[in-house]
């Protein structure tokens, strides 16, 4: 009987000791390996931030390049020397890509969302541009912003194409106007609505653009590039 009791106690002690060792080992594993997980998370966060900063840097670089060309064009063409509008169609539609650029301070004053034409959809991440009537495409190039009027979508501005790539803009009724389907803030990764080739912005944004257009000393240059 005593022998059986000792065996039982020994087995219990063994089980307790084994369980304790397993618990200590598991706890030790967690302690030793957790810093590695945190390190990976920090690395991924850094990479994500680095990618965003790189994207912003590339966008700003393209804006600055186009602004320099716009300055040269404005000097000999009689446009307003204070501001121009730059539209980078390489940026997805769910992110701000319509920029009001201060030519005197060499800086972006504000930005907003803007549509592209439904005919310009050419597969994921790719856009197609055309000057052809009824193509419903966006046309690249420089534009002169004309007089305002009130149409089916409210306040709108006539646009005159200045390059071979957009020379039929007025004939195609391509205008700048506001519409409620365009949000006031970025919605990336989602796209925004499409137009029939017009430059459509939010009602709030067209109201802010109005202050620049109506207060300018000459016509404002608008430039769509890709």
C-alpha atoms as a PDB file:
ATOM      1  CA  UNK A   1       0.000   0.000   0.000  1.00  0.00           C
ATOM      2  CA  UNK A   2       2.845   2.355   0.901  1.00  0.00           C
ATOM      3  CA  UNK A   3       4.611   1.525  -2.349  1.00  0.00           C
ATOM      4  CA  UNK A   4       1.475   2.342  -4.386  1.00  0.00           C
ATOM      5  CA  UNK A   5       1.063   5.636  -2.521  1.00  0.00           C
ATOM      6  CA  UNK A   6       4.680   6.595  -3.221  1.00  0.00           C
ATOM      7  CA  UNK A   7       4.271   5.734  -6.899  1.00  0.00           C
ATOM      8  CA  UNK A   8       1.116   7.851  -7.061  1.00  0.00           C
ATOM      9  CA  UNK A   9       2.865  10.783  -5.379  1.00  0.00           C
ATOM     10  CA  UNK A  10       5.871  10.403  -7.693  1.00  0.00           C
ATOM     11  CA  UNK A  11       3.631  10.356 -10.769  1.00  0.00           C
ATOM     12  CA  UNK A  12       1.796  13.452  -9.516  1.00  0.00           C
ATOM     13  CA  UNK A  13       5.084  15.198  -8.904  1.00  0.00           C
ATOM     14  CA  UNK A  14       6.302  14.257 -12.371  1.00  0.00           C
ATOM     15  CA  UNK A  15       3.122  15.556 -13.984  1.00  0.00           C
ATOM     16  CA  UNK A  16       3.325  18.781 -12.006  1.00  0.00           C
ATOM     17  CA  UNK A  17       7.009  19.241 -12.845  1.00  0.00           C
ATOM     18  CA  UNK A  18       6.447  18.481 -16.545  1.00  0.00           C
ATOM     19  CA  UNK A  19       3.519  20.868 -16.691  1.00  0.00           C
ATOM     20  CA  UNK A  20       5.555  23.566 -14.991  1.00  0.00           C
ATOM     21  CA  UNK A  21       8.409  23.081 -17.458  1.00  0.00           C
ATOM     22  CA  UNK A  22       6.038  23.310 -20.436  1.00  0.00           C
ATOM     23  CA  UNK A  23       4.476  26.485 -19.066  1.00  0.00           C
ATOM     24  CA  UNK A  24       7.885  28.043 -18.442  1.00  0.00           C
ATOM     25  CA  UNK A  25       9.051  27.032 -21.926  1.00  0.00           C
ATOM     26  CA  UNK A  26       5.968  28.483 -23.590  1.00  0.00           C
ATOM     27  CA  UNK A  27       6.301  31.688 -21.621  1.00  0.00           C
ATOM     28  CA  UNK A  28       9.981  31.903 -22.483  1.00  0.00           C
ATOM     29  CA  UNK A  29       9.229  31.346 -26.172  1.00  0.00           C
ATOM     30  CA  UNK A  30       6.719  34.191 -26.130  1.00  0.00           C
ATOM     31  CA  UNK A  31       9.154  36.524 -24.330  1.00  0.00           C
ATOM     32  CA  UNK A  32      12.033  35.760 -26.681  1.00  0.00           C
ATOM     33  CA  UNK A  33      10.081  35.866 -29.937  1.00  0.00           C
ATOM     34  CA  UNK A  34       7.675  38.754 -29.361  1.00  0.00           C
ATOM     35  CA  UNK A  35      10.331  41.444 -30.028  1.00  0.00           C
ATOM     36  CA  UNK A  36      10.839  39.888 -33.463  1.00  0.00           C
ATOM     37  CA  UNK A  37       7.134  40.322 -34.294  1.00  0.00           C
ATOM     38  CA  UNK A  38       7.195  43.926 -33.115  1.00  0.00           C
ATOM     39  CA  UNK A  39      10.288  44.559 -35.198  1.00  0.00           C
ATOM     40  CA  UNK A  40       8.565  43.177 -38.306  1.00  0.00           C
ATOM     41  CA  UNK A  41       5.511  45.346 -37.670  1.00  0.00           C
ATOM     42  CA  UNK A  42       7.670  48.443 -37.336  1.00  0.00           C
ATOM     43  CA  UNK A  43       9.506  47.568 -40.527  1.00  0.00           C
ATOM     44  CA  UNK A  44       6.229  47.165 -42.418  1.00  0.00           C
ATOM     45  CA  UNK A  45       4.946  50.475 -41.047  1.00  0.00           C
ATOM     46  CA  UNK A  46       8.136  52.199 -42.125  1.00  0.00           C
ATOM     47  CA  UNK A  47       7.946  50.692 -45.604  1.00  0.00           C
ATOM     48  CA  UNK A  48       4.338  51.822 -45.956  1.00  0.00           C
ATOM     49  CA  UNK A  49       5.205  55.360 -44.822  1.00  0.00           C
ATOM     50  CA  UNK A  50       8.224  55.410 -47.097  1.00  0.00           C
ATOM     51  CA  UNK A  51       6.042  54.387 -50.060  1.00  0.00           C
ATOM     52  CA  UNK A  52       3.494  57.148 -49.331  1.00  0.00           C
ATOM     53  CA  UNK A  53       6.233  59.764 -48.994  1.00  0.00           C
ATOM     54  CA  UNK A  54       7.810  58.591 -52.251  1.00  0.00           C
ATOM     55  CA  UNK A  55       4.462  58.864 -54.041  1.00  0.00           C
ATOM     56  CA  UNK A  56       3.928  62.404 -52.727  1.00  0.00           C
ATOM     57  CA  UNK A  57       7.442  63.355 -53.734  1.00  0.00           C
ATOM     58  CA  UNK A  58       6.902  62.068 -57.283  1.00  0.00           C
ATOM     59  CA  UNK A  59       3.583  63.924 -57.611  1.00  0.00           C
ATOM     60  CA  UNK A  60       5.142  67.162 -56.383  1.00  0.00           C
ATOM     61  CA  UNK A  61       8.074  66.706 -58.772  1.00  0.00           C
ATOM     62  CA  UNK A  62       5.699  66.394 -61.743  1.00  0.00           C
ATOM     63  CA  UNK A  63       3.732  69.456 -60.556  1.00  0.00           C
ATOM     64  CA  UNK A  64       6.915  71.533 -60.307  1.00  0.00           C
ATOM     65  CA  UNK A  65       8.042  70.427 -63.777  1.00  0.00           C
ATOM     66  CA  UNK A  66       4.710  71.369 -65.339  1.00  0.00           C
ATOM     67  CA  UNK A  67       4.580  74.663 -63.438  1.00  0.00           C
ATOM     68  CA  UNK A  68       7.929  75.710 -64.918  1.00  0.00           C
ATOM     69  CA  UNK A  69       6.624  75.059 -68.429  1.00  0.00           C
ATOM     70  CA  UNK A  70       3.380  76.851 -67.591  1.00  0.00           C
ATOM     71  CA  UNK A  71       5.320  79.953 -66.524  1.00  0.00           C
ATOM     72  CA  UNK A  72       7.138  80.107 -69.844  1.00  0.00           C
ATOM     73  CA  UNK A  73       3.885  79.666 -71.765  1.00  0.00           C
ATOM     74  CA  UNK A  74       2.061  82.296 -69.702  1.00  0.00           C
ATOM     75  CA  UNK A  75       4.759  84.914 -70.291  1.00  0.00           C
ATOM     76  CA  UNK A  76       4.163  84.916 -74.035  1.00  0.00           C
ATOM     77  CA  UNK A  77       0.431  84.147 -74.072  1.00  0.00           C
ATOM     78  CA  UNK A  78      -1.177  86.750 -71.821  1.00  0.00           C
ATOM     79  CA  UNK A  79      -2.558  84.445 -69.141  1.00  0.00           C
ATOM     80  CA  UNK A  80      -2.901  85.299 -65.465  1.00  0.00           C
ATOM     81  CA  UNK A  81       0.592  85.228 -63.914  1.00  0.00           C
ATOM     82  CA  UNK A  82      -0.639  84.554 -60.383  1.00  0.00           C
ATOM     83  CA  UNK A  83      -2.141  81.075 -60.634  1.00  0.00           C
ATOM     84  CA  UNK A  84      -2.664  78.135 -62.949  1.00  0.00           C
ATOM     85  CA  UNK A  85      -4.620  74.894 -62.619  1.00  0.00           C
ATOM     86  CA  UNK A  86      -2.674  71.626 -63.020  1.00  0.00           C
ATOM     87  CA  UNK A  87      -4.430  68.249 -63.382  1.00  0.00           C
ATOM     88  CA  UNK A  88      -2.283  65.115 -63.018  1.00  0.00           C
ATOM     89  CA  UNK A  89      -4.260  62.253 -64.577  1.00  0.00           C
ATOM     90  CA  UNK A  90      -1.641  59.719 -63.496  1.00  0.00           C
ATOM     91  CA  UNK A  91      -3.125  60.000 -59.992  1.00  0.00           C
ATOM     92  CA  UNK A  92      -6.178  57.738 -59.368  1.00  0.00           C
ATOM     93  CA  UNK A  93      -9.550  59.517 -59.436  1.00  0.00           C
ATOM     94  CA  UNK A  94     -10.198  58.802 -55.741  1.00  0.00           C
ATOM     95  CA  UNK A  95      -7.285  61.041 -54.777  1.00  0.00           C
ATOM     96  CA  UNK A  96      -6.841  64.791 -55.219  1.00  0.00           C
ATOM     97  CA  UNK A  97      -5.330  65.484 -58.642  1.00  0.00           C
ATOM     98  CA  UNK A  98      -6.681  68.958 -59.515  1.00  0.00           C
ATOM     99  CA  UNK A  99      -4.170  71.445 -58.123  1.00  0.00           C
ATOM    100  CA  UNK A 100      -4.352  75.222 -57.818  1.00  0.00           C
ATOM    101  CA  UNK A 101      -0.752  76.350 -58.195  1.00  0.00           C
ATOM    102  CA  UNK A 102       0.576  79.704 -57.003  1.00  0.00           C
ATOM    103  CA  UNK A 103       3.089  80.738 -59.661  1.00  0.00           C
ATOM    104  CA  UNK A 104       4.550  83.558 -57.575  1.00  0.00           C
ATOM    105  CA  UNK A 105       5.194  81.435 -54.471  1.00  0.00           C
ATOM    106  CA  UNK A 106       5.898  78.197 -56.384  1.00  0.00           C
ATOM    107  CA  UNK A 107       3.548  76.208 -54.191  1.00  0.00           C
ATOM    108  CA  UNK A 108       0.293  74.260 -54.314  1.00  0.00           C
ATOM    109  CA  UNK A 109      -2.465  76.268 -52.622  1.00  0.00           C
ATOM    110  CA  UNK A 110      -5.183  73.628 -52.697  1.00  0.00           C
ATOM    111  CA  UNK A 111      -6.311  70.471 -54.422  1.00  0.00           C
ATOM    112  CA  UNK A 112      -9.504  68.585 -55.177  1.00  0.00           C
ATOM    113  CA  UNK A 113     -10.953  65.516 -56.835  1.00  0.00           C
ATOM    114  CA  UNK A 114     -11.834  65.624 -60.525  1.00  0.00           C
ATOM    115  CA  UNK A 115     -13.405  63.117 -62.915  1.00  0.00           C
ATOM    116  CA  UNK A 116     -12.109  61.739 -66.171  1.00  0.00           C
ATOM    117  CA  UNK A 117     -14.238  60.674 -69.118  1.00  0.00           C
ATOM    118  CA  UNK A 118     -15.860  57.246 -69.217  1.00  0.00           C
ATOM    119  CA  UNK A 119     -14.257  56.679 -72.625  1.00  0.00           C
ATOM    120  CA  UNK A 120     -10.830  57.053 -71.034  1.00  0.00           C
ATOM    121  CA  UNK A 121     -11.224  53.865 -68.994  1.00  0.00           C
ATOM    122  CA  UNK A 122      -8.692  51.512 -70.547  1.00  0.00           C
ATOM    123  CA  UNK A 123      -8.222  48.774 -67.959  1.00  0.00           C
ATOM    124  CA  UNK A 124      -6.994  48.830 -64.341  1.00  0.00           C
ATOM    125  CA  UNK A 125      -4.717  51.778 -63.703  1.00  0.00           C
ATOM    126  CA  UNK A 126      -4.545  52.836 -67.349  1.00  0.00           C
ATOM    127  CA  UNK A 127      -6.236  55.758 -69.072  1.00  0.00           C
ATOM    128  CA  UNK A 128      -6.839  56.454 -72.748  1.00  0.00           C
ATOM    129  CA  UNK A 129      -7.093  60.019 -74.062  1.00  0.00           C
ATOM    130  CA  UNK A 130      -8.736  61.317 -77.213  1.00  0.00           C
ATOM    131  CA  UNK A 131      -9.800  64.527 -78.955  1.00  0.00           C
ATOM    132  CA  UNK A 132     -12.464  62.748 -81.008  1.00  0.00           C
ATOM    133  CA  UNK A 133     -16.113  63.885 -80.720  1.00  0.00           C
ATOM    134  CA  UNK A 134     -18.469  61.431 -78.977  1.00  0.00           C
ATOM    135  CA  UNK A 135     -15.518  59.469 -77.586  1.00  0.00           C
ATOM    136  CA  UNK A 136     -16.417  60.506 -74.004  1.00  0.00           C
ATOM    137  CA  UNK A 137     -12.686  60.776 -73.392  1.00  0.00           C
ATOM    138  CA  UNK A 138     -10.606  63.235 -71.459  1.00  0.00           C
ATOM    139  CA  UNK A 139      -8.240  65.248 -73.668  1.00  0.00           C
ATOM    140  CA  UNK A 140      -4.727  66.091 -72.546  1.00  0.00           C
ATOM    141  CA  UNK A 141      -3.209  69.511 -73.058  1.00  0.00           C
ATOM    142  CA  UNK A 142      -3.462  73.187 -72.174  1.00  0.00           C
ATOM    143  CA  UNK A 143      -6.828  74.936 -71.883  1.00  0.00           C
ATOM    144  CA  UNK A 144      -7.988  78.501 -71.618  1.00  0.00           C
ATOM    145  CA  UNK A 145     -10.794  78.919 -69.083  1.00  0.00           C
ATOM    146  CA  UNK A 146     -13.580  80.954 -70.637  1.00  0.00           C
ATOM    147  CA  UNK A 147     -16.741  82.610 -69.396  1.00  0.00           C
ATOM    148  CA  UNK A 148     -18.995  81.142 -66.749  1.00  0.00           C
ATOM    149  CA  UNK A 149     -22.601  80.099 -67.224  1.00  0.00           C
ATOM    150  CA  UNK A 150     -25.276  78.125 -65.391  1.00  0.00           C
ATOM    151  CA  UNK A 151     -26.143  74.813 -67.033  1.00  0.00           C
ATOM    152  CA  UNK A 152     -27.782  71.529 -66.057  1.00  0.00           C
ATOM    153  CA  UNK A 153     -25.194  71.021 -63.301  1.00  0.00           C
ATOM    154  CA  UNK A 154     -25.123  74.595 -62.027  1.00  0.00           C
ATOM    155  CA  UNK A 155     -22.046  76.805 -62.307  1.00  0.00           C
ATOM    156  CA  UNK A 156     -19.788  75.869 -65.230  1.00  0.00           C
ATOM    157  CA  UNK A 157     -16.916  77.367 -67.218  1.00  0.00           C
ATOM    158  CA  UNK A 158     -16.310  77.001 -70.936  1.00  0.00           C
ATOM    159  CA  UNK A 159     -12.971  75.522 -71.963  1.00  0.00           C
ATOM    160  CA  UNK A 160     -10.923  76.212 -75.087  1.00  0.00           C
ATOM    161  CA  UNK A 161      -8.304  73.642 -76.095  1.00  0.00           C
ATOM    162  CA  UNK A 162      -4.947  75.156 -77.043  1.00  0.00           C
ATOM    163  CA  UNK A 163      -3.120  72.061 -78.341  1.00  0.00           C
ATOM    164  CA  UNK A 164      -3.648  69.545 -81.126  1.00  0.00           C
ATOM    165  CA  UNK A 165      -4.561  66.989 -78.452  1.00  0.00           C
ATOM    166  CA  UNK A 166      -7.552  69.029 -77.228  1.00  0.00           C
ATOM    167  CA  UNK A 167      -8.330  71.434 -80.080  1.00  0.00           C
ATOM    168  CA  UNK A 168     -11.952  70.214 -80.338  1.00  0.00           C
ATOM    169  CA  UNK A 169     -12.810  70.702 -76.655  1.00  0.00           C
ATOM    170  CA  UNK A 170     -15.219  73.601 -77.274  1.00  0.00           C
ATOM    171  CA  UNK A 171     -16.864  71.702 -80.145  1.00  0.00           C
ATOM    172  CA  UNK A 172     -17.256  68.657 -77.865  1.00  0.00           C
ATOM    173  CA  UNK A 173     -18.850  70.794 -75.103  1.00  0.00           C
ATOM    174  CA  UNK A 174     -16.032  69.915 -72.707  1.00  0.00           C
ATOM    175  CA  UNK A 175     -16.445  72.243 -69.723  1.00  0.00           C
ATOM    176  CA  UNK A 176     -15.428  72.622 -66.087  1.00  0.00           C
ATOM    177  CA  UNK A 177     -18.381  72.202 -63.730  1.00  0.00           C
ATOM    178  CA  UNK A 178     -19.435  70.923 -60.319  1.00  0.00           C
ATOM    179  CA  UNK A 179     -21.656  67.936 -59.540  1.00  0.00           C
ATOM    180  CA  UNK A 180     -22.764  66.195 -56.370  1.00  0.00           C
ATOM    181  CA  UNK A 181     -21.347  62.783 -57.304  1.00  0.00           C
ATOM    182  CA  UNK A 182     -17.805  64.086 -56.698  1.00  0.00           C
ATOM    183  CA  UNK A 183     -16.804  64.001 -52.989  1.00  0.00           C
ATOM    184  CA  UNK A 184     -15.025  66.832 -51.210  1.00  0.00           C
ATOM    185  CA  UNK A 185     -12.324  64.538 -49.775  1.00  0.00           C
ATOM    186  CA  UNK A 186     -10.138  61.639 -50.920  1.00  0.00           C
ATOM    187  CA  UNK A 187     -11.895  58.256 -51.184  1.00  0.00           C
ATOM    188  CA  UNK A 188      -8.939  56.181 -52.402  1.00  0.00           C
ATOM    189  CA  UNK A 189      -8.787  53.173 -52.926  1.00  0.00           C
ATOM    190  CA  UNK A 190     -12.278  53.730 -54.368  1.00  0.00           C
ATOM    191  CA  UNK A 191     -12.760  55.630 -57.663  1.00  0.00           C
ATOM    192  CA  UNK A 192     -15.223  58.470 -58.123  1.00  0.00           C
ATOM    193  CA  UNK A 193     -17.921  58.884 -60.770  1.00  0.00           C
ATOM    194  CA  UNK A 194     -17.123  59.297 -64.466  1.00  0.00           C
ATOM    195  CA  UNK A 195     -18.033  62.104 -66.874  1.00  0.00           C
ATOM    196  CA  UNK A 196     -18.562  62.286 -70.623  1.00  0.00           C
ATOM    197  CA  UNK A 197     -15.209  64.017 -70.960  1.00  0.00           C
ATOM    198  CA  UNK A 198     -15.919  67.117 -68.853  1.00  0.00           C
ATOM    199  CA  UNK A 199     -13.840  68.133 -65.856  1.00  0.00           C
ATOM    200  CA  UNK A 200     -16.287  67.562 -63.012  1.00  0.00           C
ATOM    201  CA  UNK A 201     -15.459  68.574 -59.448  1.00  0.00           C
ATOM    202  CA  UNK A 202     -17.452  68.833 -56.224  1.00  0.00           C
ATOM    203  CA  UNK A 203     -19.875  71.768 -55.799  1.00  0.00           C
ATOM    204  CA  UNK A 204     -17.743  73.070 -52.913  1.00  0.00           C
ATOM    205  CA  UNK A 205     -14.564  72.902 -54.995  1.00  0.00           C
ATOM    206  CA  UNK A 206     -16.058  74.719 -58.009  1.00  0.00           C
ATOM    207  CA  UNK A 207     -17.130  77.491 -55.600  1.00  0.00           C
ATOM    208  CA  UNK A 208     -13.535  77.819 -54.388  1.00  0.00           C
ATOM    209  CA  UNK A 209     -12.206  77.791 -57.967  1.00  0.00           C
ATOM    210  CA  UNK A 210     -14.648  80.592 -58.784  1.00  0.00           C
ATOM    211  CA  UNK A 211     -12.800  82.962 -56.456  1.00  0.00           C
ATOM    212  CA  UNK A 212      -9.583  82.363 -58.417  1.00  0.00           C
ATOM    213  CA  UNK A 213     -11.152  82.550 -61.874  1.00  0.00           C
ATOM    214  CA  UNK A 214     -13.320  85.596 -61.250  1.00  0.00           C
ATOM    215  CA  UNK A 215     -10.576  87.421 -59.351  1.00  0.00           C
ATOM    216  CA  UNK A 216      -7.803  86.874 -61.904  1.00  0.00           C
ATOM    217  CA  UNK A 217      -6.300  89.677 -64.005  1.00  0.00           C
ATOM    218  CA  UNK A 218      -6.431  87.538 -67.138  1.00  0.00           C
ATOM    219  CA  UNK A 219      -7.599  84.094 -68.278  1.00  0.00           C
ATOM    220  CA  UNK A 220      -6.300  81.222 -66.143  1.00  0.00           C
ATOM    221  CA  UNK A 221      -4.327  78.444 -67.770  1.00  0.00           C
ATOM    222  CA  UNK A 222      -5.570  74.904 -67.051  1.00  0.00           C
ATOM    223  CA  UNK A 223      -3.254  72.039 -67.998  1.00  0.00           C
ATOM    224  CA  UNK A 224      -4.165  68.340 -68.058  1.00  0.00           C
ATOM    225  CA  UNK A 225      -1.168  65.998 -68.205  1.00  0.00           C
ATOM    226  CA  UNK A 226      -0.372  62.315 -67.737  1.00  0.00           C
END
